[in-house]
């Protein structure tokens, strides 16, 4: 049994370990992408709400959005349907099935796995689209208010000051786009002028020119979006 993934501690316990870490830079002097900030945010949610982070997300976000297949700890039935993960073996020049190395197994065991805000959520492409439709619509989805418009605007407002980085609260900001990327090169972005949502999903890592494939896909999508202006 593997028990040393990023999801092996509850948000509150994980936050306690961060207090023992030294700063990489003085605040406001440098920017460095890190999961620590959002993980501390999940610990704050637990403290304020009196709920575990996964229960809070289920009740406040997933259920109102109709995201029935989205969970931090999937059921045994859901585990059977999870897309397999692969890595590219450079010596064999082929794909090899692999586990998601930064998660704790078995994935459906709530006794050893916890909600990890910085990674480890399971979902489907249609349900991720629902979440991003809500963001594109200033916090509303199908007439239901999920997040306040002010909160969403704060999320997509630059928080990195004059530093050479453009990042909001949990969202990267890129000219006419905002969104977030993840492991293996997965990415979800929203085109601000049109509200067009792009979900790019991949289940393999280490493939030569993998970044180029994503870039070509994005360029093709951009070309189509230009026609919508």
Protein backbone atom coordinates (compact mmCIF):
# COMPACT_ATOMS: atom_id res chain seq x y z
CA UNK A 1 0.00 0.00 0.00
CA UNK A 2 1.38 3.40 -1.00
CA UNK A 3 0.68 6.07 1.58
CA UNK A 4 2.98 8.94 0.77
CA UNK A 5 1.16 10.92 -1.91
CA UNK A 6 0.34 14.62 -1.76
CA UNK A 7 -3.12 13.56 -0.55
CA UNK A 8 -1.89 11.61 2.48
CA UNK A 9 -2.57 14.46 4.95
CA UNK A 10 -5.77 16.40 5.60
CA UNK A 11 -5.62 20.10 4.59
CA UNK A 12 -5.41 21.18 8.23
CA UNK A 13 -2.53 18.81 9.02
CA UNK A 14 -0.75 19.69 5.80
CA UNK A 15 -0.97 23.39 6.64
CA UNK A 16 0.75 22.68 9.97
CA UNK A 17 3.72 21.17 8.11
CA UNK A 18 4.00 24.27 5.91
CA UNK A 19 4.60 26.37 9.02
CA UNK A 20 7.89 24.50 9.42
CA UNK A 21 9.09 25.41 5.92
CA UNK A 22 11.34 28.39 5.28
CA UNK A 23 10.47 31.04 2.69
CA UNK A 24 12.06 30.80 -0.75
CA UNK A 25 11.85 34.60 -1.13
CA UNK A 26 10.71 37.58 0.85
CA UNK A 27 7.02 38.25 0.12
CA UNK A 28 6.53 40.60 -2.83
CA UNK A 29 10.03 40.16 -4.25
CA UNK A 30 9.69 37.06 -6.45
CA UNK A 31 6.98 34.84 -7.91
CA UNK A 32 7.06 31.06 -7.79
CA UNK A 33 4.14 28.76 -8.62
CA UNK A 34 3.30 26.66 -5.60
CA UNK A 35 0.47 24.44 -4.37
CA UNK A 36 1.09 25.51 -0.79
CA UNK A 37 -1.01 28.69 -1.03
CA UNK A 38 -4.15 27.00 -2.34
CA UNK A 39 -3.69 24.15 0.14
CA UNK A 40 -3.57 26.64 3.01
CA UNK A 41 -6.74 28.13 1.56
CA UNK A 42 -8.45 24.74 1.85
CA UNK A 43 -7.38 24.52 5.49
CA UNK A 44 -8.97 27.94 6.09
CA UNK A 45 -12.18 26.66 4.47
CA UNK A 46 -12.21 23.73 6.90
CA UNK A 47 -11.69 25.99 9.89
CA UNK A 48 -14.35 28.53 8.88
CA UNK A 49 -16.99 26.08 7.63
CA UNK A 50 -16.52 23.37 10.23
CA UNK A 51 -16.56 20.81 7.39
CA UNK A 52 -13.89 18.76 5.70
CA UNK A 53 -12.74 20.41 2.47
CA UNK A 54 -14.12 17.64 0.26
CA UNK A 55 -17.54 17.79 1.97
CA UNK A 56 -17.60 21.59 1.62
CA UNK A 57 -16.77 21.38 -2.08
CA UNK A 58 -19.40 18.68 -2.62
CA UNK A 59 -22.18 20.67 -0.94
CA UNK A 60 -21.26 24.18 -2.09
CA UNK A 61 -19.85 23.59 -5.57
CA UNK A 62 -20.24 20.12 -7.05
CA UNK A 63 -23.86 19.33 -6.17
CA UNK A 64 -25.25 22.77 -7.16
CA UNK A 65 -23.42 22.44 -10.49
CA UNK A 66 -24.68 18.90 -11.06
CA UNK A 67 -21.13 17.51 -10.99
CA UNK A 68 -22.12 13.99 -9.90
CA UNK A 69 -18.93 12.33 -11.15
CA UNK A 70 -16.55 14.80 -9.50
CA UNK A 71 -14.83 13.79 -6.26
CA UNK A 72 -11.54 13.86 -4.41
CA UNK A 73 -12.02 10.26 -3.27
CA UNK A 74 -13.83 8.33 -6.01
CA UNK A 75 -16.04 5.33 -5.33
CA UNK A 76 -14.90 1.84 -6.27
CA UNK A 77 -17.23 1.96 -9.27
CA UNK A 78 -15.78 5.29 -10.39
CA UNK A 79 -12.23 3.96 -10.02
CA UNK A 80 -13.06 1.27 -12.58
CA UNK A 81 -13.87 4.03 -15.08
CA UNK A 82 -10.86 6.28 -14.48
CA UNK A 83 -8.77 6.81 -17.62
CA UNK A 84 -5.51 4.92 -17.44
CA UNK A 85 -2.32 6.90 -17.01
CA UNK A 86 0.76 6.34 -19.17
CA UNK A 87 4.36 7.45 -19.35
CA UNK A 88 6.61 7.35 -22.37
CA UNK A 89 9.50 4.89 -22.06
CA UNK A 90 12.32 6.47 -24.03
CA UNK A 91 14.33 3.24 -24.23
CA UNK A 92 11.46 1.08 -25.46
CA UNK A 93 9.98 3.95 -27.50
CA UNK A 94 6.52 3.03 -26.29
CA UNK A 95 3.87 3.95 -23.75
CA UNK A 96 3.85 2.13 -20.43
CA UNK A 97 0.84 2.09 -18.13
CA UNK A 98 1.64 3.71 -14.80
CA UNK A 99 0.03 4.91 -11.60
CA UNK A 100 -0.44 8.61 -10.89
CA UNK A 101 2.79 8.83 -8.93
CA UNK A 102 1.86 11.73 -6.65
CA UNK A 103 -1.39 10.20 -5.35
CA UNK A 104 -1.98 7.63 -2.62
CA UNK A 105 -3.36 4.21 -3.53
CA UNK A 106 -5.94 2.69 -3.36
CA UNK A 107 -7.72 5.76 -4.72
CA UNK A 108 -11.11 4.83 -3.24
CA UNK A 109 -9.93 4.54 0.37
CA UNK A 110 -11.12 7.57 2.42
CA UNK A 111 -9.17 6.32 5.43
CA UNK A 112 -5.80 7.11 3.86
CA UNK A 113 -6.67 9.75 1.22
CA UNK A 114 -7.75 13.36 1.75
CA UNK A 115 -8.86 16.20 -0.45
CA UNK A 116 -5.77 17.87 -1.92
CA UNK A 117 -6.71 21.34 -3.19
CA UNK A 118 -3.54 21.57 -5.25
CA UNK A 119 -4.23 18.38 -7.23
CA UNK A 120 -5.90 14.99 -7.13
CA UNK A 121 -9.54 15.69 -7.98
CA UNK A 122 -11.33 13.30 -10.34
CA UNK A 123 -13.89 14.51 -12.84
CA UNK A 124 -15.09 14.30 -16.44
CA UNK A 125 -14.72 16.69 -19.36
CA UNK A 126 -18.46 17.63 -19.42
CA UNK A 127 -18.44 18.38 -15.69
CA UNK A 128 -15.28 20.48 -15.90
CA UNK A 129 -17.04 22.46 -18.62
CA UNK A 130 -19.91 23.12 -16.19
CA UNK A 131 -17.49 24.57 -13.65
CA UNK A 132 -15.87 26.83 -16.23
CA UNK A 133 -19.26 27.89 -17.60
CA UNK A 134 -20.02 29.11 -14.10
CA UNK A 135 -16.77 31.12 -14.01
CA UNK A 136 -17.40 32.54 -17.49
CA UNK A 137 -20.87 33.62 -16.34
CA UNK A 138 -19.55 35.54 -13.33
CA UNK A 139 -20.41 32.84 -10.80
CA UNK A 140 -23.84 31.77 -12.07
CA UNK A 141 -24.86 28.50 -13.70
CA UNK A 142 -28.29 27.87 -15.21
CA UNK A 143 -29.79 30.64 -13.11
CA UNK A 144 -28.19 29.50 -9.84
CA UNK A 145 -25.67 31.67 -8.00
CA UNK A 146 -22.66 29.48 -7.08
CA UNK A 147 -20.01 32.16 -6.39
CA UNK A 148 -20.47 35.88 -5.99
CA UNK A 149 -19.60 37.97 -9.03
CA UNK A 150 -17.13 39.88 -6.85
CA UNK A 151 -15.32 36.64 -5.90
CA UNK A 152 -15.02 35.55 -9.52
CA UNK A 153 -13.72 38.96 -10.54
CA UNK A 154 -11.12 38.78 -7.78
CA UNK A 155 -10.08 35.33 -9.03
CA UNK A 156 -9.34 36.70 -12.52
CA UNK A 157 -7.70 39.91 -11.37
CA UNK A 158 -3.90 40.03 -11.29
CA UNK A 159 -2.61 39.44 -7.76
CA UNK A 160 1.11 39.40 -8.52
CA UNK A 161 1.65 43.18 -8.53
CA UNK A 162 4.56 44.37 -10.64
CA UNK A 163 6.28 40.99 -10.70
CA UNK A 164 6.99 39.30 -14.01
CA UNK A 165 4.02 36.96 -13.65
CA UNK A 166 0.32 37.32 -14.27
CA UNK A 167 -1.70 35.29 -11.84
CA UNK A 168 -5.06 35.77 -10.15
CA UNK A 169 -6.51 33.67 -7.33
CA UNK A 170 -6.06 30.16 -8.66
CA UNK A 171 -6.21 31.31 -12.27
CA UNK A 172 -3.48 32.13 -14.75
CA UNK A 173 -4.09 35.28 -16.81
CA UNK A 174 -2.99 35.35 -20.45
CA UNK A 175 -4.03 38.36 -22.54
CA UNK A 176 -7.59 37.47 -23.61
CA UNK A 177 -7.66 34.22 -21.64
CA UNK A 178 -7.77 32.99 -18.07
CA UNK A 179 -7.75 29.47 -16.69
CA UNK A 180 -5.54 26.83 -15.17
CA UNK A 181 -3.27 24.02 -16.26
CA UNK A 182 -2.32 20.82 -14.49
CA UNK A 183 -0.22 17.69 -14.53
CA UNK A 184 0.64 16.06 -17.86
CA UNK A 185 -0.22 19.33 -19.63
CA UNK A 186 -3.98 19.30 -18.98
CA UNK A 187 -5.53 22.74 -19.24
CA UNK A 188 -8.86 24.56 -19.11
CA UNK A 189 -9.11 28.16 -20.33
CA UNK A 190 -11.80 30.74 -21.03
CA UNK A 191 -11.62 33.25 -23.88
CA UNK A 192 -12.83 36.49 -22.29
CA UNK A 193 -14.18 38.26 -25.41
CA UNK A 194 -16.40 35.32 -26.45
CA UNK A 195 -16.76 33.17 -23.32
CA UNK A 196 -15.47 30.24 -25.39
CA UNK A 197 -14.19 27.43 -23.14
CA UNK A 198 -11.37 25.09 -24.12
CA UNK A 199 -10.72 21.87 -22.19
CA UNK A 200 -7.47 20.10 -23.11
CA UNK A 201 -7.09 16.68 -21.50
CA UNK A 202 -4.24 14.18 -21.84
CA UNK A 203 -3.33 11.03 -19.88
CA UNK A 204 0.30 10.54 -20.84
CA UNK A 205 3.53 12.19 -19.78
CA UNK A 206 7.04 12.28 -21.21
CA UNK A 207 6.11 11.99 -24.87
CA UNK A 208 8.56 13.82 -27.18
CA UNK A 209 7.13 17.12 -28.45
CA UNK A 210 4.13 16.75 -26.16
CA UNK A 211 4.14 20.50 -25.56
CA UNK A 212 4.16 21.18 -29.29
CA UNK A 213 1.02 19.08 -29.78
CA UNK A 214 -0.78 21.15 -27.17
CA UNK A 215 0.44 24.35 -28.78
CA UNK A 216 -0.84 23.28 -32.20
CA UNK A 217 -4.22 22.40 -30.71
CA UNK A 218 -4.47 25.81 -29.05
CA UNK A 219 -3.54 27.59 -32.27
CA UNK A 220 -6.26 25.71 -34.15
CA UNK A 221 -8.80 26.68 -31.51
CA UNK A 222 -7.65 30.32 -31.56
CA UNK A 223 -8.13 30.39 -35.31
CA UNK A 224 -11.71 29.25 -34.92
CA UNK A 225 -12.38 31.71 -32.10
CA UNK A 226 -11.23 34.59 -34.27
CA UNK A 227 -14.20 33.84 -36.48
CA UNK A 228 -16.54 34.42 -33.53
CA UNK A 229 -15.44 38.00 -32.96
